[in-house]
């Protein structure tokens, strides 16, 4: 009986396994995270700017694309997240005397990401997503500009680095590509496809 009581007392007094390397819902310890637990939620801002320059013969064109907007992320299981992003879409291409083209609208995507730990709060995050976009396309200059509604689907693929300096926020950056397949409400315009590849950066609050 005495031996049994000593064994029970030893179990009670043993320290619990340390979980300081696992980010869990409602936890608030320091950095050094190597795993993000199921149920963790994040909200933040992501932005990607793409700038390019084309020259064909005597005509030159400056292209710029901006995707920026909030992202909500939920971890379905350890290190596996589902993210919903709603972005403002701005795309412009100036082609000298041709007047250029501008797209203005919105983009929404759902993406799955996996967080592979590199240690010390750093993760490598491959991500794949899909969604859709809508907007207004303006071609030419006033007073002869032409406007049409555009809409279609998108795919996104990226490979980012995520760093958790604390359990309450992270910063992330990495290359990303957005592929768009769309059409306009003007039958003569037909369909179109575009690929925008750039560097996505952002910050996130964890709760």
Foldseek 3Di string as FASTA:
>chain_A
DVVVVVVVVVVVPDDDDDPLQEQEPPDWFFWFHFKYAAFKKKKKKKKWKFWDKDDDPPKIKIKIKIWIFMKIWGHRGMQKIKIKTKTWIWIWMDIPQQATKIWTWIWIKIKIWGWHGPTRQKTKIKMKIKTKIKTKMWGHDPPPIDIWIKMWMKIKIWIKMWGPRISFKIKMKTKMKMKTWMDTPPVVGDIDIDMGIGMMIIMMTMD
